[in-house]
Amino acid sequence: MDAAITTLRYMNKSLLAALLLLLSFTSALADTSRQPDSLSIKIGQMLMIGFRGMEAKAGSPVAADIRERGIGAVVLFDYDVPSRSPVRNIESAEQLRRLSSELQQRSSIPLLVAIDQEGGRVCRLKPSRGFPPTLSAARLGKLDNADNTRQAAGSTAALLASLGVNMNLAPVVDLNVNQNNPVIGKLDRSFSADPAVVARQARIFVDAFHRHGVIAALKHFPGHGSSTTDTHKDFTDVTATWSKKELEPYRKLIGEGYNDPVMTAHVFNARLDSRYPATLSKATIDGFLRQKLGFRGVVVSDDMQMKAIADRYGLEEAIRLSIDAGVDILIFGNNVSYDPDIASKATSIIRRLVEKGAISPKRIDESYRRIMALKTRTIAPRP
């Protein structure tokens, strides 16, 4: 007994913190089997919510969503699109560090604090707010130099870790098939039209993120690079332009053991599903991503409020279809449109779908286990 105590005293603090976190997760998993409302805990973990505010003080809407709805993840933006205002979540490094800390303090289960920090034009941490400049994926892919990419990815990862942001919704592994693509090619978000270059560059980014304790997310499955329209704004059909080579970066990285999240696209691709866009398609997510490519990790939707989904499906139908398809975390970024009650609406809808048998409790359990496994594996308090 004395020897065990002595060992614990001299254990590296960061390892001890990670162990305690693991124990807390194990406890949470055990508790949910005893609590009468364990379903609420599981549902909350399936939601990533965007919000307005530079703080997460007690009494703020996001604090209420964390405390009362138990949301498991948040996503941060630097610009509020619906109000066309630069006042959203990010003002400076010091402010963002404080916000991340306040968010974590509100939650009994550590949060995924996510951001889109791809580099180049898709960059929430801008030089105008005191953050370092970044290189676009297109620039790095053109150079295709491992040292350059490693330095760029490492700088981004170190910055995010220092700010308390533990998940980057990147890298983009869409192929630059259509250079005039309004949402990928024209914004320099793709590394290359060559799947080998894309996979090579993405692997460096993922490895750099992991070295700094940041979770990655490959996007946008099954491929957005050939599209001619933007899913933020309209229905996007890639049936005639998509090819199977757009799956190659996923095939390569998953084959090498990648098990961080994969983000879906809202593109419609009749070659994979003649009825539903990818985010709502069981054939695409469960059939292709999970069964054919062997992916076992967390699947994250693109923003469910984007018009490719929101303009064609009711909220309940979109939620039901996406969960049935295999999506584990649904993003409501609240930055295409803004609904302060979206977390409450989404949790109520999911509960109702389970209670009436439209979604099985087993399906919710599958997502919850994947999410908790991801958090247990990746999130630990930094020393």
Protein backbone atom coordinates (compact mmCIF):
# COMPACT_ATOMS: atom_id res chain seq x y z
CA MET A 1 0.00 0.00 0.00
CA ASP A 2 2.79 2.43 0.97
CA ALA A 3 4.64 1.59 -2.22
CA ALA A 4 1.53 2.34 -4.29
CA ILE A 5 1.09 5.70 -2.57
CA THR A 6 4.75 6.56 -3.15
CA THR A 7 4.42 5.64 -6.82
CA LEU A 8 1.37 7.87 -7.21
CA ARG A 9 3.15 10.77 -5.55
CA TYR A 10 5.96 10.67 -8.03
CA MET A 11 3.83 9.90 -11.09
CA ASN A 12 4.08 12.46 -13.89
CA LYS A 13 1.28 14.94 -13.29
CA SER A 14 0.00 14.86 -16.84
CA LEU A 15 -0.24 11.06 -16.78
CA LEU A 16 -2.09 11.21 -13.47
CA ALA A 17 -4.48 13.78 -14.92
CA ALA A 18 -5.14 11.54 -17.90
CA LEU A 19 -5.75 8.59 -15.58
CA LEU A 20 -8.22 10.59 -13.50
CA LEU A 21 -10.01 11.69 -16.65
CA LEU A 22 -10.26 8.08 -17.77
CA LEU A 23 -11.73 7.13 -14.42
CA SER A 24 -14.26 9.96 -14.65
CA PHE A 25 -15.35 8.72 -18.08
CA THR A 26 -15.66 5.16 -16.76
CA SER A 27 -17.75 6.50 -13.90
CA ALA A 28 -19.93 8.48 -16.30
CA LEU A 29 -20.51 5.39 -18.42
CA ALA A 30 -21.44 3.38 -15.35
CA ASP A 31 -23.69 6.11 -13.96
CA THR A 32 -25.74 6.32 -17.14
CA SER A 33 -26.86 2.73 -16.68
CA ARG A 34 -28.28 3.61 -13.23
CA GLN A 35 -29.73 7.04 -13.85
CA PRO A 36 -33.39 7.15 -14.90
CA ASP A 37 -32.61 9.74 -17.57
CA SER A 38 -29.42 8.32 -19.05
CA LEU A 39 -30.91 8.89 -22.50
CA SER A 40 -30.58 12.64 -22.03
CA ILE A 41 -26.86 12.30 -21.33
CA LYS A 42 -26.34 10.22 -24.46
CA ILE A 43 -28.37 12.55 -26.68
CA GLY A 44 -26.54 15.62 -25.42
CA GLN A 45 -23.19 14.11 -26.37
CA MET A 46 -24.42 13.81 -29.96
CA LEU A 47 -24.78 17.57 -30.44
CA MET A 48 -22.21 20.20 -31.44
CA ILE A 49 -23.71 23.68 -31.08
CA GLY A 50 -22.61 27.12 -32.24
CA PHE A 51 -23.46 30.11 -30.08
CA ARG A 52 -23.05 33.85 -29.74
CA GLY A 53 -20.83 35.31 -27.07
CA MET A 54 -17.24 35.93 -26.03
CA GLU A 55 -17.90 34.43 -22.61
CA ALA A 56 -19.60 31.39 -21.12
CA LYS A 57 -20.55 32.80 -17.75
CA ALA A 58 -23.24 31.22 -15.59
CA GLY A 59 -26.61 32.26 -16.96
CA SER A 60 -25.43 32.58 -20.57
CA PRO A 61 -27.37 30.60 -23.22
CA VAL A 62 -24.42 28.32 -23.99
CA ALA A 63 -23.91 27.61 -20.29
CA ALA A 64 -27.57 26.59 -20.08
CA ASP A 65 -27.20 24.30 -23.10
CA ILE A 66 -24.21 22.62 -21.48
CA ARG A 67 -25.78 22.35 -18.04
CA GLU A 68 -29.42 21.61 -18.91
CA ARG A 69 -29.15 19.90 -22.31
CA GLY A 70 -25.74 18.32 -21.68
CA ILE A 71 -24.38 19.15 -25.11
CA GLY A 72 -21.07 17.41 -25.73
CA ALA A 73 -19.44 19.83 -28.16
CA VAL A 74 -19.35 23.46 -29.29
CA VAL A 75 -18.05 25.09 -32.47
CA LEU A 76 -16.46 28.54 -32.50
CA PHE A 77 -16.57 31.26 -35.18
CA ASP A 78 -14.93 34.63 -35.62
CA TYR A 79 -17.74 36.18 -37.69
CA ASP A 80 -21.51 36.07 -37.21
CA VAL A 81 -22.96 35.49 -40.68
CA PRO A 82 -26.70 35.99 -39.94
CA SER A 83 -26.12 39.41 -38.33
CA ARG A 84 -23.13 40.27 -40.58
CA SER A 85 -21.16 41.14 -37.47
CA PRO A 86 -17.50 40.50 -36.56
CA VAL A 87 -18.65 39.98 -32.96
CA ARG A 88 -19.09 36.26 -32.35
CA ASN A 89 -16.73 34.08 -30.24
CA ILE A 90 -13.20 35.24 -31.01
CA GLU A 91 -11.61 38.56 -30.12
CA SER A 92 -8.06 37.72 -29.01
CA ALA A 93 -5.90 34.86 -27.77
CA GLU A 94 -6.41 35.79 -24.13
CA GLN A 95 -10.19 36.06 -24.54
CA LEU A 96 -10.41 32.74 -26.42
CA ARG A 97 -8.32 30.98 -23.78
CA ARG A 98 -10.70 32.26 -21.12
CA LEU A 99 -13.78 31.24 -23.12
CA SER A 100 -12.47 27.70 -23.66
CA SER A 101 -11.79 27.36 -19.95
CA GLU A 102 -15.24 28.65 -18.99
CA LEU A 103 -16.90 26.25 -21.41
CA GLN A 104 -15.07 23.26 -19.94
CA GLN A 105 -15.91 24.36 -16.41
CA ARG A 106 -19.62 24.23 -17.25
CA SER A 107 -19.55 20.57 -18.32
CA SER A 108 -19.31 17.43 -16.20
CA ILE A 109 -18.00 15.54 -19.24
CA PRO A 110 -15.15 17.29 -21.09
CA LEU A 111 -16.34 19.13 -24.19
CA LEU A 112 -15.15 18.97 -27.73
CA VAL A 113 -14.27 22.61 -28.43
CA ALA A 114 -14.07 22.76 -32.22
CA ILE A 115 -13.05 25.27 -34.86
CA ASP A 116 -12.46 25.45 -38.63
CA GLN A 117 -8.79 26.43 -38.77
CA GLU A 118 -7.85 25.02 -42.15
CA GLY A 119 -5.40 27.75 -43.12
CA GLY A 120 -5.53 30.34 -45.86
CA ARG A 121 -8.98 31.77 -46.47
CA VAL A 122 -10.83 29.38 -44.13
CA CYS A 123 -9.25 30.61 -40.96
CA ARG A 124 -11.11 31.62 -37.79
CA LEU A 125 -7.94 32.82 -36.05
CA LYS A 126 -7.03 35.77 -38.22
CA PRO A 127 -3.93 38.01 -38.15
CA SER A 128 -6.23 41.02 -37.69
CA ARG A 129 -6.94 39.67 -34.20
CA GLY A 130 -3.34 39.01 -33.33
CA PHE A 131 -2.99 35.45 -34.59
CA PRO A 132 -0.17 34.32 -36.92
CA PRO A 133 -0.77 34.08 -40.69
CA THR A 134 -1.39 30.65 -42.21
CA LEU A 135 -0.80 28.90 -45.54
CA SER A 136 -3.67 27.46 -47.57
CA ALA A 137 -3.94 23.77 -48.35
CA ALA A 138 -3.55 24.61 -52.05
CA ARG A 139 -0.22 26.32 -51.39
CA LEU A 140 1.09 23.47 -49.25
CA GLY A 141 -0.07 20.87 -51.76
CA LYS A 142 1.64 22.70 -54.59
CA LEU A 143 4.91 22.76 -52.65
CA ASP A 144 4.33 19.15 -51.50
CA ASN A 145 7.24 19.45 -49.11
CA ALA A 146 6.90 17.45 -45.92
CA ASP A 147 8.98 19.86 -43.83
CA ASN A 148 6.92 22.88 -44.90
CA THR A 149 3.66 21.10 -44.21
CA ARG A 150 4.91 19.76 -40.88
CA GLN A 151 5.88 23.24 -39.77
CA ALA A 152 2.56 24.78 -40.85
CA ALA A 153 0.48 22.01 -39.28
CA GLY A 154 2.56 22.02 -36.10
CA SER A 155 2.17 25.78 -35.68
CA THR A 156 -1.60 25.51 -36.07
CA ALA A 157 -1.83 22.58 -33.66
CA ALA A 158 0.34 24.27 -31.02
CA LEU A 159 -1.75 27.44 -31.25
CA LEU A 160 -5.04 25.58 -30.88
CA ALA A 161 -3.76 23.59 -27.93
CA SER A 162 -2.58 26.78 -26.21
CA LEU A 163 -6.07 28.26 -26.65
CA GLY A 164 -7.93 25.27 -25.22
CA VAL A 165 -9.37 24.31 -28.62
CA ASN A 166 -9.14 20.52 -28.77
CA MET A 167 -10.72 19.76 -32.15
CA ASN A 168 -9.95 21.16 -35.59
CA LEU A 169 -12.53 20.48 -38.30
CA ALA A 170 -9.72 19.83 -40.76
CA PRO A 171 -7.92 18.76 -42.89
CA VAL A 172 -9.93 18.95 -46.10
CA VAL A 173 -9.29 15.84 -48.19
CA ASP A 174 -11.54 16.81 -51.10
CA LEU A 175 -9.74 16.52 -54.42
CA ASN A 176 -9.37 19.72 -56.44
CA VAL A 177 -11.26 18.20 -59.36
CA ASN A 178 -13.08 21.41 -60.26
CA GLN A 179 -10.80 24.41 -59.79
CA ASN A 180 -13.83 26.70 -60.17
CA ASN A 181 -15.69 24.95 -57.36
CA PRO A 182 -17.14 27.90 -55.38
CA VAL A 183 -16.64 26.35 -51.95
CA ILE A 184 -13.48 24.20 -52.38
CA GLY A 185 -11.30 25.00 -55.41
CA LYS A 186 -11.87 28.77 -55.52
CA LEU A 187 -11.11 29.03 -51.80
CA ASP A 188 -7.83 27.06 -52.08
CA ARG A 189 -9.08 24.49 -49.57
CA SER A 190 -7.86 21.39 -51.42
CA PHE A 191 -4.27 20.17 -51.34
CA SER A 192 -4.37 18.78 -54.87
CA ALA A 193 -6.31 16.95 -57.57
CA ASP A 194 -3.96 14.01 -56.95
CA PRO A 195 -5.31 11.70 -54.21
CA ALA A 196 -1.78 10.59 -53.27
CA VAL A 197 -0.72 14.18 -52.57
CA VAL A 198 -3.91 14.83 -50.61
CA ALA A 199 -3.46 11.73 -48.45
CA ARG A 200 0.22 12.50 -47.85
CA GLN A 201 -0.44 16.10 -46.83
CA ALA A 202 -3.43 15.18 -44.68
CA ARG A 203 -1.44 12.54 -42.81
CA ILE A 204 1.16 15.15 -41.83
CA PHE A 205 -1.59 17.42 -40.53
CA VAL A 206 -3.26 14.65 -38.53
CA ASP A 207 0.05 13.58 -36.99
CA ALA A 208 0.88 17.18 -36.05
CA PHE A 209 -2.53 17.64 -34.44
CA HIS A 210 -2.06 14.46 -32.43
CA ARG A 211 1.34 15.54 -31.15
CA HIS A 212 -0.39 18.52 -29.56
CA GLY A 213 -3.50 16.71 -28.34
CA VAL A 214 -5.82 18.14 -31.01
CA ILE A 215 -8.47 15.99 -32.71
CA ALA A 216 -8.68 16.06 -36.51
CA ALA A 217 -11.68 15.62 -38.81
CA LEU A 218 -11.30 14.57 -42.43
CA LYS A 219 -13.86 16.28 -44.67
CA HIS A 220 -16.11 16.23 -46.70
CA PHE A 221 -17.08 12.57 -47.25
CA PRO A 222 -17.58 11.17 -49.90
CA GLY A 223 -16.06 14.10 -51.81
CA HIS A 224 -17.03 17.73 -52.43
CA GLY A 225 -14.21 18.69 -54.78
CA SER A 226 -16.08 18.21 -58.06
CA SER A 227 -19.18 20.22 -57.13
CA THR A 228 -20.31 23.27 -59.07
CA THR A 229 -22.51 24.71 -56.30
CA ASP A 230 -22.22 25.40 -52.57
CA THR A 231 -24.12 23.26 -50.03
CA HIS A 232 -24.30 26.27 -47.73
CA LYS A 233 -26.61 27.89 -50.26
CA ASP A 234 -28.38 25.25 -52.31
CA PHE A 235 -28.92 21.62 -53.29
CA THR A 236 -25.64 20.27 -54.66
CA ASP A 237 -25.61 17.32 -57.06
CA VAL A 238 -22.21 15.76 -57.87
CA THR A 239 -23.54 12.64 -59.62
CA ALA A 240 -22.16 13.61 -63.02
CA THR A 241 -18.84 15.03 -61.79
CA TRP A 242 -17.80 12.75 -58.90
CA SER A 243 -15.48 9.79 -59.36
CA LYS A 244 -14.35 6.95 -57.09
CA LYS A 245 -10.84 8.38 -56.88
CA GLU A 246 -12.30 10.97 -54.47
CA LEU A 247 -12.56 8.16 -51.94
CA GLU A 248 -8.86 7.34 -52.15
CA PRO A 249 -7.62 9.70 -49.38
CA TYR A 250 -10.14 8.13 -47.00
CA ARG A 251 -9.26 4.61 -48.10
CA LYS A 252 -5.55 5.30 -47.64
CA LEU A 253 -5.78 7.04 -44.25
CA ILE A 254 -8.34 4.66 -42.75
CA GLY A 255 -6.23 1.75 -43.97
CA GLU A 256 -3.29 3.25 -42.07
CA GLY A 257 -5.33 3.34 -38.86
CA TYR A 258 -6.94 6.78 -38.91
CA ASN A 259 -9.72 6.84 -36.29
CA ASP A 260 -10.38 10.51 -35.58
CA PRO A 261 -13.73 11.80 -36.91
CA VAL A 262 -14.85 11.98 -40.52
CA MET A 263 -17.21 14.80 -41.54
CA THR A 264 -19.93 14.18 -44.10
CA ALA A 265 -20.84 16.37 -47.06
CA HIS A 266 -24.40 17.42 -47.90
CA VAL A 267 -23.78 16.59 -51.57
CA PHE A 268 -26.24 14.43 -53.47
CA ASN A 269 -24.51 11.59 -55.30
CA ALA A 270 -26.86 9.20 -57.07
CA ARG A 271 -23.94 6.86 -57.73
CA LEU A 272 -23.93 6.09 -54.00
CA ASP A 273 -27.56 6.83 -53.07
CA SER A 274 -30.31 7.71 -55.55
CA ARG A 275 -32.52 9.25 -52.88
CA TYR A 276 -30.61 11.11 -50.16
CA PRO A 277 -27.60 13.44 -49.87
CA ALA A 278 -24.59 11.91 -48.10
CA THR A 279 -25.31 13.22 -44.59
CA LEU A 280 -28.73 11.56 -44.66
CA SER A 281 -27.66 8.46 -46.59
CA LYS A 282 -27.35 5.11 -44.83
CA ALA A 283 -25.95 3.63 -48.04
CA THR A 284 -23.16 6.22 -48.04
CA ILE A 285 -22.24 6.38 -44.34
CA ASP A 286 -23.04 2.96 -42.96
CA GLY A 287 -22.72 1.07 -46.22
CA PHE A 288 -19.70 2.71 -47.80
CA LEU A 289 -17.73 4.54 -45.10
CA ARG A 290 -18.17 1.98 -42.36
CA GLN A 291 -18.64 -1.34 -44.14
CA LYS A 292 -16.59 -0.94 -47.32
CA LEU A 293 -13.84 1.38 -46.03
CA GLY A 294 -13.83 -0.10 -42.51
CA PHE A 295 -14.14 3.18 -40.58
CA ARG A 296 -14.98 2.63 -36.90
CA GLY A 297 -14.66 6.15 -35.52
CA VAL A 298 -17.01 9.08 -34.98
CA VAL A 299 -18.95 10.44 -37.96
CA VAL A 300 -19.71 14.16 -37.75
CA SER A 301 -22.27 15.87 -39.96
CA ASP A 302 -21.58 19.08 -41.79
CA ASP A 303 -23.73 21.92 -40.47
CA MET A 304 -27.34 20.71 -40.41
CA GLN A 305 -28.58 24.28 -40.92
CA MET A 306 -26.95 24.60 -44.35
CA LYS A 307 -29.53 25.12 -47.06
CA ALA A 308 -28.80 21.89 -48.95
CA ILE A 309 -30.43 20.16 -45.97
CA ALA A 310 -32.53 22.80 -44.20
CA ASP A 311 -34.40 23.95 -47.34
CA ARG A 312 -35.42 20.43 -48.37
CA TYR A 313 -36.01 18.54 -45.13
CA GLY A 314 -37.84 19.36 -41.94
CA LEU A 315 -35.71 19.45 -38.80
CA GLU A 316 -37.13 16.22 -37.39
CA GLU A 317 -36.80 14.36 -40.69
CA ALA A 318 -33.21 15.54 -41.17
CA ILE A 319 -32.26 14.49 -37.65
CA ARG A 320 -33.94 11.10 -37.99
CA LEU A 321 -32.36 10.34 -41.35
CA SER A 322 -28.86 11.45 -40.34
CA ILE A 323 -28.81 9.38 -37.16
CA ASP A 324 -30.26 6.36 -38.96
CA ALA A 325 -27.59 6.83 -41.65
CA GLY A 326 -24.83 6.59 -39.05
CA VAL A 327 -24.01 10.16 -38.03
CA ASP A 328 -22.78 10.31 -34.42
CA ILE A 329 -22.43 14.07 -33.85
CA LEU A 330 -24.84 16.53 -35.47
CA ILE A 331 -23.50 20.05 -35.96
CA PHE A 332 -25.84 22.99 -35.60
CA GLY A 333 -23.37 25.81 -36.15
CA ASN A 334 -25.99 28.55 -35.77
CA ASN A 335 -24.05 30.57 -38.32
CA VAL A 336 -26.03 30.02 -41.51
CA SER A 337 -29.18 30.89 -39.64
CA TYR A 338 -29.41 31.54 -35.89
CA ASP A 339 -31.78 29.72 -33.57
CA PRO A 340 -31.05 30.24 -29.85
CA ASP A 341 -33.28 27.24 -29.03
CA ILE A 342 -31.71 24.78 -31.48
CA ALA A 343 -30.08 22.62 -28.78
CA SER A 344 -33.38 22.32 -26.91
CA LYS A 345 -35.26 21.53 -30.13
CA ALA A 346 -32.73 18.93 -31.26
CA THR A 347 -32.58 17.10 -27.92
CA SER A 348 -36.38 17.01 -27.69
CA ILE A 349 -36.69 15.70 -31.25
CA ILE A 350 -34.13 12.92 -30.71
CA ARG A 351 -35.79 11.86 -27.46
CA ARG A 352 -39.20 11.81 -29.15
CA LEU A 353 -37.85 9.75 -32.05
CA VAL A 354 -36.44 7.20 -29.61
CA GLU A 355 -39.60 7.06 -27.52
CA LYS A 356 -41.82 6.40 -30.52
CA GLY A 357 -39.44 3.82 -31.96
CA ALA A 358 -38.26 5.76 -35.02
CA ILE A 359 -34.67 5.51 -33.70
CA SER A 360 -33.62 2.58 -31.53
CA PRO A 361 -31.91 3.02 -28.14
CA LYS A 362 -29.19 0.73 -29.50
CA ARG A 363 -28.44 3.23 -32.26
CA ILE A 364 -28.04 6.04 -29.69
CA ASP A 365 -25.80 3.78 -27.60
CA GLU A 366 -23.55 3.15 -30.61
CA SER A 367 -22.93 6.87 -31.11
CA TYR A 368 -22.48 7.49 -27.40
CA ARG A 369 -19.84 4.76 -27.11
CA ARG A 370 -17.92 6.09 -30.10
CA ILE A 371 -18.00 9.66 -28.78
CA MET A 372 -16.93 8.66 -25.28
CA ALA A 373 -14.16 6.47 -26.68
CA LEU A 374 -12.89 9.44 -28.70
CA LYS A 375 -12.95 11.73 -25.69
CA THR A 376 -11.32 9.16 -23.43
CA ARG A 377 -8.56 8.57 -25.95
CA THR A 378 -7.83 12.17 -26.84
CA ILE A 379 -8.91 14.70 -24.24
CA ALA A 380 -6.77 15.10 -21.12
CA PRO A 381 -6.00 18.21 -19.08
CA ARG A 382 -2.72 19.68 -20.23
CA PRO A 383 -0.06 19.88 -17.46
